[in-house]
PDB file of N, CA and C in Angstrom:
ATOM      1  N   UNK A   1      22.261  30.430  21.332  1.00  0.00           N
ATOM      2  CA  UNK A   1      21.300  30.748  22.378  1.00  0.00           C
ATOM      3  C   UNK A   1      19.974  31.139  21.736  1.00  0.00           C
ATOM      4  N   UNK A   2      18.906  30.499  22.189  1.00  0.00           N
ATOM      5  CA  UNK A   2      17.592  30.788  21.619  1.00  0.00           C
ATOM      6  C   UNK A   2      16.992  32.056  22.217  1.00  0.00           C
ATOM      7  N   UNK A   3      16.228  32.722  21.403  1.00  0.00           N
ATOM      8  CA  UNK A   3      15.588  33.967  21.822  1.00  0.00           C
ATOM      9  C   UNK A   3      14.371  33.651  22.692  1.00  0.00           C
ATOM     10  N   UNK A   4      14.208  34.424  23.755  1.00  0.00           N
ATOM     11  CA  UNK A   4      13.058  34.258  24.637  1.00  0.00           C
ATOM     12  C   UNK A   4      11.809  34.819  23.960  1.00  0.00           C
ATOM     13  N   UNK A   5      10.727  34.090  24.070  1.00  0.00           N
ATOM     14  CA  UNK A   5       9.437  34.522  23.539  1.00  0.00           C
ATOM     15  C   UNK A   5       8.493  34.727  24.709  1.00  0.00           C
ATOM     16  N   UNK A   6       7.490  35.563  24.502  1.00  0.00           N
ATOM     17  CA  UNK A   6       6.504  35.812  25.538  1.00  0.00           C
ATOM     18  C   UNK A   6       5.203  35.114  25.163  1.00  0.00           C
ATOM     19  N   UNK A   7       4.651  34.412  26.129  1.00  0.00           N
ATOM     20  CA  UNK A   7       3.392  33.692  25.954  1.00  0.00           C
ATOM     21  C   UNK A   7       2.384  34.218  26.968  1.00  0.00           C
ATOM     22  N   UNK A   8       1.118  34.183  26.595  1.00  0.00           N
ATOM     23  CA  UNK A   8       0.047  34.540  27.506  1.00  0.00           C
ATOM     24  C   UNK A   8      -0.705  33.269  27.866  1.00  0.00           C
ATOM     25  N   UNK A   9      -0.756  32.989  29.149  1.00  0.00           N
ATOM     26  CA  UNK A   9      -1.470  31.816  29.642  1.00  0.00           C
ATOM     27  C   UNK A   9      -2.779  32.280  30.266  1.00  0.00           C
ATOM     28  N   UNK A  10      -3.880  31.690  29.817  1.00  0.00           N
ATOM     29  CA  UNK A  10      -5.185  32.003  30.387  1.00  0.00           C
ATOM     30  C   UNK A  10      -5.575  30.852  31.314  1.00  0.00           C
ATOM     31  N   UNK A  11      -5.872  31.195  32.572  1.00  0.00           N
ATOM     32  CA  UNK A  11      -6.213  30.210  33.586  1.00  0.00           C
ATOM     33  C   UNK A  11      -7.624  30.436  34.109  1.00  0.00           C
ATOM     34  N   UNK A  12      -8.227  29.370  34.610  1.00  0.00           N
ATOM     35  CA  UNK A  12      -9.437  29.489  35.423  1.00  0.00           C
ATOM     36  C   UNK A  12      -8.951  29.386  36.862  1.00  0.00           C
ATOM     37  N   UNK A  13      -9.144  30.450  37.622  1.00  0.00           N
ATOM     38  CA  UNK A  13      -8.720  30.503  39.028  1.00  0.00           C
ATOM     39  C   UNK A  13      -9.879  30.024  39.876  1.00  0.00           C
ATOM     40  N   UNK A  14      -9.738  28.847  40.471  1.00  0.00           N
ATOM     41  CA  UNK A  14     -10.796  28.267  41.289  1.00  0.00           C
ATOM     42  C   UNK A  14     -10.794  28.965  42.647  1.00  0.00           C
ATOM     43  N   UNK A  15     -11.951  29.506  43.011  1.00  0.00           N
ATOM     44  CA  UNK A  15     -12.111  30.183  44.293  1.00  0.00           C
ATOM     45  C   UNK A  15     -13.436  29.729  44.894  1.00  0.00           C
ATOM     46  N   UNK A  16     -13.400  28.861  45.892  1.00  0.00           N
ATOM     47  CA  UNK A  16     -14.631  28.340  46.481  1.00  0.00           C
ATOM     48  C   UNK A  16     -15.517  29.414  47.112  1.00  0.00           C
ATOM     49  N   UNK A  17     -14.942  30.551  47.459  1.00  0.00           N
ATOM     50  CA  UNK A  17     -15.727  31.617  48.089  1.00  0.00           C
ATOM     51  C   UNK A  17     -16.471  32.474  47.067  1.00  0.00           C
ATOM     52  N   UNK A  18     -16.119  32.362  45.801  1.00  0.00           N
ATOM     53  CA  UNK A  18     -16.763  33.145  44.751  1.00  0.00           C
ATOM     54  C   UNK A  18     -18.121  32.526  44.392  1.00  0.00           C
ATOM     55  N   UNK A  19     -19.084  33.359  44.081  1.00  0.00           N
ATOM     56  CA  UNK A  19     -20.407  32.853  43.719  1.00  0.00           C
ATOM     57  C   UNK A  19     -20.370  32.053  42.419  1.00  0.00           C
ATOM     58  N   UNK A  20     -19.427  32.362  41.524  1.00  0.00           N
ATOM     59  CA  UNK A  20     -19.293  31.636  40.257  1.00  0.00           C
ATOM     60  C   UNK A  20     -18.299  30.476  40.365  1.00  0.00           C
ATOM     61  N   UNK A  21     -17.671  30.348  41.509  1.00  0.00           N
ATOM     62  CA  UNK A  21     -16.704  29.272  41.699  1.00  0.00           C
ATOM     63  C   UNK A  21     -15.304  29.617  41.232  1.00  0.00           C
ATOM     64  N   UNK A  22     -15.130  30.809  40.697  1.00  0.00           N
ATOM     65  CA  UNK A  22     -13.814  31.237  40.238  1.00  0.00           C
ATOM     66  C   UNK A  22     -13.905  32.315  39.179  1.00  0.00           C
ATOM     67  N   UNK A  23     -12.784  32.564  38.521  1.00  0.00           N
ATOM     68  CA  UNK A  23     -12.728  33.600  37.500  1.00  0.00           C
ATOM     69  C   UNK A  23     -11.546  33.337  36.573  1.00  0.00           C
ATOM     70  N   UNK A  24     -11.579  33.961  35.397  1.00  0.00           N
ATOM     71  CA  UNK A  24     -10.472  33.842  34.446  1.00  0.00           C
ATOM     72  C   UNK A  24      -9.398  34.865  34.789  1.00  0.00           C
ATOM     73  N   UNK A  25      -8.150  34.442  34.631  1.00  0.00           N
ATOM     74  CA  UNK A  25      -7.010  35.330  34.854  1.00  0.00           C
ATOM     75  C   UNK A  25      -5.928  34.988  33.834  1.00  0.00           C
ATOM     76  N   UNK A  26      -5.085  35.938  33.532  1.00  0.00           N
ATOM     77  CA  UNK A  26      -3.995  35.696  32.586  1.00  0.00           C
ATOM     78  C   UNK A  26      -2.663  35.975  33.255  1.00  0.00           C
ATOM     79  N   UNK A  27      -1.649  35.284  32.778  1.00  0.00           N
ATOM     80  CA  UNK A  27      -0.284  35.483  33.249  1.00  0.00           C
ATOM     81  C   UNK A  27       0.637  35.482  32.046  1.00  0.00           C
ATOM     82  N   UNK A  28       1.684  36.277  32.106  1.00  0.00           N
ATOM     83  CA  UNK A  28       2.708  36.304  31.061  1.00  0.00           C
ATOM     84  C   UNK A  28       3.812  35.321  31.442  1.00  0.00           C
ATOM     85  N   UNK A  29       4.259  34.557  30.460  1.00  0.00           N
ATOM     86  CA  UNK A  29       5.322  33.579  30.668  1.00  0.00           C
ATOM     87  C   UNK A  29       6.382  33.800  29.607  1.00  0.00           C
ATOM     88  N   UNK A  30       7.654  33.851  30.011  1.00  0.00           N
ATOM     89  CA  UNK A  30       8.759  33.951  29.068  1.00  0.00           C
ATOM     90  C   UNK A  30       9.450  32.599  28.979  1.00  0.00           C
ATOM     91  N   UNK A  31       9.590  32.110  27.754  1.00  0.00           N
ATOM     92  CA  UNK A  31      10.232  30.818  27.520  1.00  0.00           C
ATOM     93  C   UNK A  31      10.760  30.784  26.096  1.00  0.00           C
ATOM     94  N   UNK A  32      11.657  29.849  25.829  1.00  0.00           N
ATOM     95  CA  UNK A  32      12.236  29.738  24.489  1.00  0.00           C
ATOM     96  C   UNK A  32      11.330  28.960  23.537  1.00  0.00           C
ATOM     97  N   UNK A  33      10.552  28.005  24.061  1.00  0.00           N
ATOM     98  CA  UNK A  33       9.645  27.217  23.214  1.00  0.00           C
ATOM     99  C   UNK A  33       8.273  27.119  23.882  1.00  0.00           C
ATOM    100  N   UNK A  34       7.282  26.747  23.092  1.00  0.00           N
ATOM    101  CA  UNK A  34       5.927  26.591  23.638  1.00  0.00           C
ATOM    102  C   UNK A  34       5.887  25.452  24.652  1.00  0.00           C
ATOM    103  N   UNK A  35       6.640  24.403  24.394  1.00  0.00           N
ATOM    104  CA  UNK A  35       6.688  23.260  25.312  1.00  0.00           C
ATOM    105  C   UNK A  35       7.195  23.699  26.691  1.00  0.00           C
ATOM    106  N   UNK A  36       8.228  24.539  26.708  1.00  0.00           N
ATOM    107  CA  UNK A  36       8.763  25.032  27.985  1.00  0.00           C
ATOM    108  C   UNK A  36       7.773  25.977  28.662  1.00  0.00           C
ATOM    109  N   UNK A  37       7.041  26.748  27.874  1.00  0.00           N
ATOM    110  CA  UNK A  37       6.019  27.631  28.435  1.00  0.00           C
ATOM    111  C   UNK A  37       4.899  26.801  29.056  1.00  0.00           C
ATOM    112  N   UNK A  38       4.531  25.697  28.400  1.00  0.00           N
ATOM    113  CA  UNK A  38       3.508  24.805  28.956  1.00  0.00           C
ATOM    114  C   UNK A  38       3.986  24.209  30.280  1.00  0.00           C
ATOM    115  N   UNK A  39       5.261  23.876  30.356  1.00  0.00           N
ATOM    116  CA  UNK A  39       5.831  23.316  31.583  1.00  0.00           C
ATOM    117  C   UNK A  39       5.775  24.345  32.713  1.00  0.00           C
ATOM    118  N   UNK A  40       6.108  25.597  32.402  1.00  0.00           N
ATOM    119  CA  UNK A  40       6.044  26.651  33.420  1.00  0.00           C
ATOM    120  C   UNK A  40       4.603  26.883  33.874  1.00  0.00           C
ATOM    121  N   UNK A  41       3.663  26.856  32.934  1.00  0.00           N
ATOM    122  CA  UNK A  41       2.250  27.028  33.279  1.00  0.00           C
ATOM    123  C   UNK A  41       1.781  25.878  34.167  1.00  0.00           C
ATOM    124  N   UNK A  42       2.228  24.667  33.862  1.00  0.00           N
ATOM    125  CA  UNK A  42       1.879  23.505  34.670  1.00  0.00           C
ATOM    126  C   UNK A  42       2.435  23.650  36.085  1.00  0.00           C
ATOM    127  N   UNK A  43       3.653  24.171  36.205  1.00  0.00           N
ATOM    128  CA  UNK A  43       4.235  24.400  37.534  1.00  0.00           C
ATOM    129  C   UNK A  43       3.400  25.418  38.318  1.00  0.00           C
ATOM    130  N   UNK A  44       2.877  26.431  37.632  1.00  0.00           N
ATOM    131  CA  UNK A  44       2.014  27.412  38.301  1.00  0.00           C
ATOM    132  C   UNK A  44       0.767  26.742  38.862  1.00  0.00           C
ATOM    133  N   UNK A  45       0.196  25.808  38.101  1.00  0.00           N
ATOM    134  CA  UNK A  45      -1.015  25.130  38.574  1.00  0.00           C
ATOM    135  C   UNK A  45      -0.700  24.210  39.758  1.00  0.00           C
ATOM    136  N   UNK A  46       0.481  23.616  39.765  1.00  0.00           N
ATOM    137  CA  UNK A  46       0.861  22.704  40.844  1.00  0.00           C
ATOM    138  C   UNK A  46       1.154  23.434  42.157  1.00  0.00           C
ATOM    139  N   UNK A  47       1.654  24.669  42.056  1.00  0.00           N
ATOM    140  CA  UNK A  47       2.078  25.398  43.248  1.00  0.00           C
ATOM    141  C   UNK A  47       1.084  26.473  43.682  1.00  0.00           C
ATOM    142  N   UNK A  48      -0.153  26.327  43.280  1.00  0.00           N
ATOM    143  CA  UNK A  48      -1.192  27.278  43.678  1.00  0.00           C
ATOM    144  C   UNK A  48      -1.542  27.021  45.148  1.00  0.00           C
ATOM    145  N   UNK A  49      -1.419  28.040  45.995  1.00  0.00           N
ATOM    146  CA  UNK A  49      -1.578  27.867  47.433  1.00  0.00           C
ATOM    147  C   UNK A  49      -3.042  27.686  47.839  1.00  0.00           C
ATOM    148  N   UNK A  50      -3.921  28.529  47.352  1.00  0.00           N
ATOM    149  CA  UNK A  50      -5.322  28.483  47.767  1.00  0.00           C
ATOM    150  C   UNK A  50      -6.198  28.276  46.541  1.00  0.00           C
ATOM    151  N   UNK A  51      -7.181  27.408  46.650  1.00  0.00           N
ATOM    152  CA  UNK A  51      -8.044  27.129  45.512  1.00  0.00           C
ATOM    153  C   UNK A  51      -7.277  26.328  44.486  1.00  0.00           C
ATOM    154  N   UNK A  52      -7.239  26.793  43.268  1.00  0.00           N
ATOM    155  CA  UNK A  52      -6.506  26.095  42.235  1.00  0.00           C
ATOM    156  C   UNK A  52      -6.485  26.874  40.936  1.00  0.00           C
ATOM    157  N   UNK A  53      -5.651  26.436  40.022  1.00  0.00           N
ATOM    158  CA  UNK A  53      -5.554  27.022  38.688  1.00  0.00           C
ATOM    159  C   UNK A  53      -5.706  25.903  37.665  1.00  0.00           C
ATOM    160  N   UNK A  54      -6.445  26.186  36.620  1.00  0.00           N
ATOM    161  CA  UNK A  54      -6.594  25.257  35.506  1.00  0.00           C
ATOM    162  C   UNK A  54      -6.215  26.009  34.239  1.00  0.00           C
ATOM    163  N   UNK A  55      -5.266  25.489  33.488  1.00  0.00           N
ATOM    164  CA  UNK A  55      -4.836  26.137  32.254  1.00  0.00           C
ATOM    165  C   UNK A  55      -5.912  25.977  31.191  1.00  0.00           C
ATOM    166  N   UNK A  56      -6.374  27.097  30.643  1.00  0.00           N
ATOM    167  CA  UNK A  56      -7.382  27.084  29.589  1.00  0.00           C
ATOM    168  C   UNK A  56      -6.769  27.226  28.204  1.00  0.00           C
ATOM    169  N   UNK A  57      -5.756  28.120  28.098  1.00  0.00           N
ATOM    170  CA  UNK A  57      -5.205  28.447  26.795  1.00  0.00           C
ATOM    171  C   UNK A  57      -3.795  29.029  26.953  1.00  0.00           C
ATOM    172  N   UNK A  58      -2.939  28.721  25.987  1.00  0.00           N
ATOM    173  CA  UNK A  58      -1.596  29.267  25.977  1.00  0.00           C
ATOM    174  C   UNK A  58      -1.317  29.767  24.567  1.00  0.00           C
ATOM    175  N   UNK A  59      -1.059  31.070  24.416  1.00  0.00           N
ATOM    176  CA  UNK A  59      -0.822  31.650  23.101  1.00  0.00           C
ATOM    177  C   UNK A  59       0.473  32.448  23.106  1.00  0.00           C
ATOM    178  N   UNK A  60       1.133  32.440  21.959  1.00  0.00           N
ATOM    179  CA  UNK A  60       2.376  33.205  21.803  1.00  0.00           C
ATOM    180  C   UNK A  60       2.047  34.640  21.439  1.00  0.00           C
ATOM    181  N   UNK A  61       2.657  35.574  22.134  1.00  0.00           N
ATOM    182  CA  UNK A  61       2.491  37.006  21.820  1.00  0.00           C
ATOM    183  C   UNK A  61       3.345  37.340  20.608  1.00  0.00           C
ATOM    184  N   UNK A  62       2.814  38.166  19.738  1.00  0.00           N
ATOM    185  CA  UNK A  62       3.541  38.535  18.523  1.00  0.00           C
ATOM    186  C   UNK A  62       4.084  39.944  18.670  1.00  0.00           C
TER     187      UNK A  62
END
């Protein structure tokens, strides 16, 4: 069994009502590999209810 790692995903949160058009936000993701963390981050962008999310960066927490 592989050990779970924690990744920090940095997103641009698109908000049409914001004067800047959005803002940066981070989310913690637990996954066994970076590839699986990228998949989870992609699912977050697909299931965003209002506005949208764009993945900017994904880094492993040490």
